[in-house]
């Protein structure tokens, strides 16, 4: 079952924020929180019309943001 508690299967194109966090943590990202993800969304990270996040679009946005900061 997805971390969000819904019975729908996880897809990389439609992840609820808790599910995105779970995927990122399973991929080895340790310095991220649900609050940080929500802050990213508030700062312009792309979301789907239903509020879910496409993992590939989010990753591309993060790369762009990190490049702006010089990280």
PDB file of N, CA and C in Angstrom:
ATOM      1  N   UNK A   1       0.851  -1.177   0.000  1.00  0.00           N
ATOM      2  CA  UNK A   1       0.000   0.000   0.000  1.00  0.00           C
ATOM      3  C   UNK A   1       0.899   1.244   0.000  1.00  0.00           C
ATOM      4  N   UNK A   2       0.535   2.272  -0.772  1.00  0.00           N
ATOM      5  CA  UNK A   2       1.313   3.509  -0.768  1.00  0.00           C
ATOM      6  C   UNK A   2       1.354   4.131   0.620  1.00  0.00           C
ATOM      7  N   UNK A   3       2.387   4.923   0.867  1.00  0.00           N
ATOM      8  CA  UNK A   3       2.557   5.578   2.165  1.00  0.00           C
ATOM      9  C   UNK A   3       1.389   6.486   2.509  1.00  0.00           C
ATOM     10  N   UNK A   4       0.718   7.012   1.479  1.00  0.00           N
ATOM     11  CA  UNK A   4      -0.386   7.935   1.731  1.00  0.00           C
ATOM     12  C   UNK A   4      -1.625   7.235   2.265  1.00  0.00           C
ATOM     13  N   UNK A   5      -1.639   5.884   2.246  1.00  0.00           N
ATOM     14  CA  UNK A   5      -2.775   5.156   2.772  1.00  0.00           C
ATOM     15  C   UNK A   5      -3.826   4.848   1.732  1.00  0.00           C
ATOM     16  N   UNK A   6      -3.639   5.298   0.507  1.00  0.00           N
ATOM     17  CA  UNK A   6      -4.588   5.007  -0.561  1.00  0.00           C
ATOM     18  C   UNK A   6      -4.265   3.645  -1.138  1.00  0.00           C
ATOM     19  N   UNK A   7      -5.263   2.997  -1.715  1.00  0.00           N
ATOM     20  CA  UNK A   7      -5.060   1.674  -2.277  1.00  0.00           C
ATOM     21  C   UNK A   7      -4.597   1.710  -3.723  1.00  0.00           C
ATOM     22  N   UNK A   8      -4.578   2.872  -4.338  1.00  0.00           N
ATOM     23  CA  UNK A   8      -4.152   2.971  -5.730  1.00  0.00           C
ATOM     24  C   UNK A   8      -2.669   2.617  -5.841  1.00  0.00           C
ATOM     25  N   UNK A   9      -2.304   1.941  -6.923  1.00  0.00           N
ATOM     26  CA  UNK A   9      -0.881   1.611  -7.086  1.00  0.00           C
ATOM     27  C   UNK A   9      -0.045   2.872  -7.306  1.00  0.00           C
ATOM     28  N   UNK A  10       1.195   2.814  -6.871  1.00  0.00           N
ATOM     29  CA  UNK A  10       2.103   3.939  -7.083  1.00  0.00           C
ATOM     30  C   UNK A  10       2.529   3.990  -8.541  1.00  0.00           C
ATOM     31  N   UNK A  11       2.559   5.186  -9.078  1.00  0.00           N
ATOM     32  CA  UNK A  11       3.146   5.398 -10.396  1.00  0.00           C
ATOM     33  C   UNK A  11       4.040   6.621 -10.279  1.00  0.00           C
ATOM     34  N   UNK A  12       5.133   6.622 -10.997  1.00  0.00           N
ATOM     35  CA  UNK A  12       6.070   7.747 -10.920  1.00  0.00           C
ATOM     36  C   UNK A  12       5.437   9.039 -11.407  1.00  0.00           C
ATOM     37  N   UNK A  13       4.377   8.945 -12.182  1.00  0.00           N
ATOM     38  CA  UNK A  13       3.737  10.137 -12.735  1.00  0.00           C
ATOM     39  C   UNK A  13       2.718  10.766 -11.791  1.00  0.00           C
ATOM     40  N   UNK A  14       2.304  10.048 -10.759  1.00  0.00           N
ATOM     41  CA  UNK A  14       1.259  10.542  -9.852  1.00  0.00           C
ATOM     42  C   UNK A  14       1.546  10.090  -8.431  1.00  0.00           C
ATOM     43  N   UNK A  15       2.417  10.828  -7.738  1.00  0.00           N
ATOM     44  CA  UNK A  15       2.758  10.490  -6.361  1.00  0.00           C
ATOM     45  C   UNK A  15       2.229  11.552  -5.403  1.00  0.00           C
ATOM     46  N   UNK A  16       1.509  11.119  -4.390  1.00  0.00           N
ATOM     47  CA  UNK A  16       1.143  12.036  -3.313  1.00  0.00           C
ATOM     48  C   UNK A  16       2.439  12.388  -2.578  1.00  0.00           C
ATOM     49  N   UNK A  17       2.455  13.526  -1.914  1.00  0.00           N
ATOM     50  CA  UNK A  17       3.680  13.982  -1.246  1.00  0.00           C
ATOM     51  C   UNK A  17       4.252  12.923  -0.301  1.00  0.00           C
ATOM     52  N   UNK A  18       3.445  12.267   0.545  1.00  0.00           N
ATOM     53  CA  UNK A  18       4.034  11.233   1.415  1.00  0.00           C
ATOM     54  C   UNK A  18       4.661  10.081   0.617  1.00  0.00           C
ATOM     55  N   UNK A  19       4.059   9.749  -0.516  1.00  0.00           N
ATOM     56  CA  UNK A  19       4.602   8.690  -1.361  1.00  0.00           C
ATOM     57  C   UNK A  19       5.892   9.145  -2.038  1.00  0.00           C
ATOM     58  N   UNK A  20       5.936  10.394  -2.485  1.00  0.00           N
ATOM     59  CA  UNK A  20       7.158  10.946  -3.064  1.00  0.00           C
ATOM     60  C   UNK A  20       8.283  10.891  -2.033  1.00  0.00           C
ATOM     61  N   UNK A  21       7.987  11.272  -0.815  1.00  0.00           N
ATOM     62  CA  UNK A  21       8.978  11.216   0.256  1.00  0.00           C
ATOM     63  C   UNK A  21       9.473   9.787   0.446  1.00  0.00           C
ATOM     64  N   UNK A  22       8.573   8.825   0.460  1.00  0.00           N
ATOM     65  CA  UNK A  22       8.957   7.425   0.638  1.00  0.00           C
ATOM     66  C   UNK A  22       9.851   6.957  -0.507  1.00  0.00           C
ATOM     67  N   UNK A  23       9.524   7.330  -1.732  1.00  0.00           N
ATOM     68  CA  UNK A  23      10.337   6.946  -2.890  1.00  0.00           C
ATOM     69  C   UNK A  23      11.726   7.567  -2.791  1.00  0.00           C
ATOM     70  N   UNK A  24      11.781   8.846  -2.453  1.00  0.00           N
ATOM     71  CA  UNK A  24      13.075   9.516  -2.335  1.00  0.00           C
ATOM     72  C   UNK A  24      13.924   8.881  -1.237  1.00  0.00           C
ATOM     73  N   UNK A  25      13.313   8.549  -0.124  1.00  0.00           N
ATOM     74  CA  UNK A  25      14.066   7.921   0.972  1.00  0.00           C
ATOM     75  C   UNK A  25      14.563   6.532   0.582  1.00  0.00           C
ATOM     76  N   UNK A  26      13.736   5.782  -0.145  1.00  0.00           N
ATOM     77  CA  UNK A  26      14.177   4.456  -0.598  1.00  0.00           C
ATOM     78  C   UNK A  26      15.311   4.572  -1.604  1.00  0.00           C
ATOM     79  N   UNK A  27      15.379   5.705  -2.291  1.00  0.00           N
ATOM     80  CA  UNK A  27      16.463   5.950  -3.250  1.00  0.00           C
ATOM     81  C   UNK A  27      17.717   6.462  -2.558  1.00  0.00           C
ATOM     82  N   UNK A  28      17.655   6.664  -1.250  1.00  0.00           N
ATOM     83  CA  UNK A  28      18.840   7.073  -0.499  1.00  0.00           C
ATOM     84  C   UNK A  28      18.889   8.532  -0.108  1.00  0.00           C
ATOM     85  N   UNK A  29      17.866   9.293  -0.433  1.00  0.00           N
ATOM     86  CA  UNK A  29      17.833  10.712  -0.053  1.00  0.00           C
ATOM     87  C   UNK A  29      17.434  10.783   1.419  1.00  0.00           C
ATOM     88  N   UNK A  30      18.317  11.299   2.243  1.00  0.00           N
ATOM     89  CA  UNK A  30      18.060  11.331   3.684  1.00  0.00           C
ATOM     90  C   UNK A  30      17.747  12.731   4.201  1.00  0.00           C
ATOM     91  N   UNK A  31      18.142  13.745   3.482  1.00  0.00           N
ATOM     92  CA  UNK A  31      17.998  15.120   3.981  1.00  0.00           C
ATOM     93  C   UNK A  31      16.772  15.809   3.392  1.00  0.00           C
ATOM     94  N   UNK A  32      15.660  15.111   3.338  1.00  0.00           N
ATOM     95  CA  UNK A  32      14.417  15.689   2.845  1.00  0.00           C
ATOM     96  C   UNK A  32      13.298  15.317   3.810  1.00  0.00           C
ATOM     97  N   UNK A  33      12.328  16.217   3.927  1.00  0.00           N
ATOM     98  CA  UNK A  33      11.177  15.976   4.794  1.00  0.00           C
ATOM     99  C   UNK A  33       9.916  16.306   4.015  1.00  0.00           C
ATOM    100  N   UNK A  34       8.791  15.897   4.552  1.00  0.00           N
ATOM    101  CA  UNK A  34       7.524  16.238   3.911  1.00  0.00           C
ATOM    102  C   UNK A  34       7.353  17.755   3.877  1.00  0.00           C
ATOM    103  N   UNK A  35       7.777  18.424   4.929  1.00  0.00           N
ATOM    104  CA  UNK A  35       7.673  19.883   4.974  1.00  0.00           C
ATOM    105  C   UNK A  35       8.528  20.513   3.866  1.00  0.00           C
ATOM    106  N   UNK A  36       9.710  19.968   3.640  1.00  0.00           N
ATOM    107  CA  UNK A  36      10.586  20.484   2.579  1.00  0.00           C
ATOM    108  C   UNK A  36       9.948  20.280   1.216  1.00  0.00           C
ATOM    109  N   UNK A  37       9.339  19.111   0.999  1.00  0.00           N
ATOM    110  CA  UNK A  37       8.682  18.870  -0.286  1.00  0.00           C
ATOM    111  C   UNK A  37       7.521  19.841  -0.491  1.00  0.00           C
ATOM    112  N   UNK A  38       6.764  20.070   0.553  1.00  0.00           N
ATOM    113  CA  UNK A  38       5.638  21.018   0.442  1.00  0.00           C
ATOM    114  C   UNK A  38       6.161  22.441   0.200  1.00  0.00           C
ATOM    115  N   UNK A  39       7.298  22.776   0.795  1.00  0.00           N
ATOM    116  CA  UNK A  39       7.908  24.088   0.545  1.00  0.00           C
ATOM    117  C   UNK A  39       8.374  24.186  -0.906  1.00  0.00           C
ATOM    118  N   UNK A  40       8.911  23.110  -1.444  1.00  0.00           N
ATOM    119  CA  UNK A  40       9.312  23.107  -2.853  1.00  0.00           C
ATOM    120  C   UNK A  40       8.110  23.347  -3.754  1.00  0.00           C
ATOM    121  N   UNK A  41       7.003  22.694  -3.439  1.00  0.00           N
ATOM    122  CA  UNK A  41       5.780  22.884  -4.226  1.00  0.00           C
ATOM    123  C   UNK A  41       5.319  24.333  -4.127  1.00  0.00           C
ATOM    124  N   UNK A  42       5.354  24.889  -2.933  1.00  0.00           N
ATOM    125  CA  UNK A  42       4.964  26.293  -2.751  1.00  0.00           C
ATOM    126  C   UNK A  42       5.895  27.229  -3.521  1.00  0.00           C
ATOM    127  N   UNK A  43       7.156  26.806  -3.691  1.00  0.00           N
ATOM    128  CA  UNK A  43       8.147  27.624  -4.401  1.00  0.00           C
ATOM    129  C   UNK A  43       8.112  27.411  -5.914  1.00  0.00           C
ATOM    130  N   UNK A  44       7.224  26.535  -6.378  1.00  0.00           N
ATOM    131  CA  UNK A  44       7.081  26.371  -7.817  1.00  0.00           C
ATOM    132  C   UNK A  44       7.353  25.004  -8.389  1.00  0.00           C
ATOM    133  N   UNK A  45       7.670  24.022  -7.553  1.00  0.00           N
ATOM    134  CA  UNK A  45       7.857  22.666  -8.076  1.00  0.00           C
ATOM    135  C   UNK A  45       6.562  22.236  -8.759  1.00  0.00           C
ATOM    136  N   UNK A  46       6.678  21.598  -9.907  1.00  0.00           N
ATOM    137  CA  UNK A  46       5.468  21.261 -10.663  1.00  0.00           C
ATOM    138  C   UNK A  46       4.637  20.177  -9.984  1.00  0.00           C
ATOM    139  N   UNK A  47       3.328  20.333 -10.106  1.00  0.00           N
ATOM    140  CA  UNK A  47       2.392  19.324  -9.616  1.00  0.00           C
ATOM    141  C   UNK A  47       1.366  19.037 -10.703  1.00  0.00           C
ATOM    142  N   UNK A  48       0.735  17.908 -10.582  1.00  0.00           N
ATOM    143  CA  UNK A  48      -0.375  17.566 -11.473  1.00  0.00           C
ATOM    144  C   UNK A  48      -1.624  18.306 -11.007  1.00  0.00           C
ATOM    145  N   UNK A  49      -2.646  18.310 -11.834  1.00  0.00           N
ATOM    146  CA  UNK A  49      -3.893  19.008 -11.503  1.00  0.00           C
ATOM    147  C   UNK A  49      -4.515  18.489 -10.205  1.00  0.00           C
ATOM    148  N   UNK A  50      -4.275  17.220  -9.888  1.00  0.00           N
ATOM    149  CA  UNK A  50      -4.861  16.649  -8.674  1.00  0.00           C
ATOM    150  C   UNK A  50      -3.971  16.826  -7.440  1.00  0.00           C
ATOM    151  N   UNK A  51      -2.863  17.558  -7.590  1.00  0.00           N
ATOM    152  CA  UNK A  51      -1.975  17.826  -6.470  1.00  0.00           C
ATOM    153  C   UNK A  51      -0.873  16.801  -6.285  1.00  0.00           C
ATOM    154  N   UNK A  52      -0.897  15.738  -7.087  1.00  0.00           N
ATOM    155  CA  UNK A  52       0.176  14.759  -7.011  1.00  0.00           C
ATOM    156  C   UNK A  52       1.398  15.285  -7.752  1.00  0.00           C
ATOM    157  N   UNK A  53       2.506  14.568  -7.608  1.00  0.00           N
ATOM    158  CA  UNK A  53       3.765  15.010  -8.197  1.00  0.00           C
ATOM    159  C   UNK A  53       4.282  13.943  -9.153  1.00  0.00           C
ATOM    160  N   UNK A  54       4.754  14.390 -10.305  1.00  0.00           N
ATOM    161  CA  UNK A  54       5.423  13.510 -11.263  1.00  0.00           C
ATOM    162  C   UNK A  54       6.891  13.487 -10.859  1.00  0.00           C
ATOM    163  N   UNK A  55       7.411  12.321 -10.526  1.00  0.00           N
ATOM    164  CA  UNK A  55       8.777  12.198 -10.030  1.00  0.00           C
ATOM    165  C   UNK A  55       9.796  12.756 -11.013  1.00  0.00           C
ATOM    166  N   UNK A  56       9.634  12.490 -12.290  1.00  0.00           N
ATOM    167  CA  UNK A  56      10.592  12.962 -13.296  1.00  0.00           C
ATOM    168  C   UNK A  56      10.541  14.484 -13.399  1.00  0.00           C
ATOM    169  N   UNK A  57       9.354  15.062 -13.402  1.00  0.00           N
ATOM    170  CA  UNK A  57       9.221  16.520 -13.482  1.00  0.00           C
ATOM    171  C   UNK A  57       9.794  17.182 -12.233  1.00  0.00           C
ATOM    172  N   UNK A  58       9.554  16.565 -11.076  1.00  0.00           N
ATOM    173  CA  UNK A  58      10.097  17.110  -9.830  1.00  0.00           C
ATOM    174  C   UNK A  58      11.620  17.057  -9.852  1.00  0.00           C
ATOM    175  N   UNK A  59      12.178  15.936 -10.283  1.00  0.00           N
ATOM    176  CA  UNK A  59      13.634  15.804 -10.334  1.00  0.00           C
ATOM    177  C   UNK A  59      14.234  16.841 -11.282  1.00  0.00           C
ATOM    178  N   UNK A  60      13.605  17.054 -12.432  1.00  0.00           N
ATOM    179  CA  UNK A  60      14.099  18.057 -13.379  1.00  0.00           C
ATOM    180  C   UNK A  60      14.030  19.448 -12.765  1.00  0.00           C
ATOM    181  N   UNK A  61      12.969  19.745 -12.048  1.00  0.00           N
ATOM    182  CA  UNK A  61      12.833  21.042 -11.382  1.00  0.00           C
ATOM    183  C   UNK A  61      13.928  21.213 -10.345  1.00  0.00           C
ATOM    184  N   UNK A  62      14.198  20.151  -9.567  1.00  0.00           N
ATOM    185  CA  UNK A  62      15.240  20.228  -8.544  1.00  0.00           C
ATOM    186  C   UNK A  62      16.609  20.489  -9.170  1.00  0.00           C
ATOM    187  N   UNK A  63      16.911  19.814 -10.266  1.00  0.00           N
ATOM    188  CA  UNK A  63      18.203  20.043 -10.951  1.00  0.00           C
ATOM    189  C   UNK A  63      18.314  21.489 -11.387  1.00  0.00           C
ATOM    190  N   UNK A  64      17.233  22.024 -11.943  1.00  0.00           N
ATOM    191  CA  UNK A  64      17.226  23.417 -12.382  1.00  0.00           C
ATOM    192  C   UNK A  64      17.430  24.362 -11.198  1.00  0.00           C
ATOM    193  N   UNK A  65      16.755  24.110 -10.104  1.00  0.00           N
ATOM    194  CA  UNK A  65      16.872  24.948  -8.916  1.00  0.00           C
ATOM    195  C   UNK A  65      18.288  24.884  -8.329  1.00  0.00           C
ATOM    196  N   UNK A  66      18.850  23.703  -8.268  1.00  0.00           N
ATOM    197  CA  UNK A  66      20.207  23.553  -7.745  1.00  0.00           C
ATOM    198  C   UNK A  66      21.210  24.259  -8.640  1.00  0.00           C
ATOM    199  N   UNK A  67      20.988  24.224  -9.944  1.00  0.00           N
ATOM    200  CA  UNK A  67      21.890  24.908 -10.874  1.00  0.00           C
ATOM    201  C   UNK A  67      21.811  26.420 -10.666  1.00  0.00           C
ATOM    202  N   UNK A  68      20.628  26.921 -10.384  1.00  0.00           N
ATOM    203  CA  UNK A  68      20.475  28.363 -10.118  1.00  0.00           C
ATOM    204  C   UNK A  68      21.272  28.784  -8.897  1.00  0.00           C
ATOM    205  N   UNK A  69      21.291  27.903  -7.892  1.00  0.00           N
ATOM    206  CA  UNK A  69      21.994  28.206  -6.638  1.00  0.00           C
ATOM    207  C   UNK A  69      23.486  27.911  -6.737  1.00  0.00           C
ATOM    208  N   UNK A  70      23.867  27.171  -7.759  1.00  0.00           N
ATOM    209  CA  UNK A  70      25.266  26.816  -7.894  1.00  0.00           C
ATOM    210  C   UNK A  70      25.674  25.600  -7.098  1.00  0.00           C
ATOM    211  N   UNK A  71      24.698  24.805  -6.644  1.00  0.00           N
ATOM    212  CA  UNK A  71      24.994  23.589  -5.862  1.00  0.00           C
ATOM    213  C   UNK A  71      25.405  22.452  -6.778  1.00  0.00           C
TER     214      UNK A  71
END
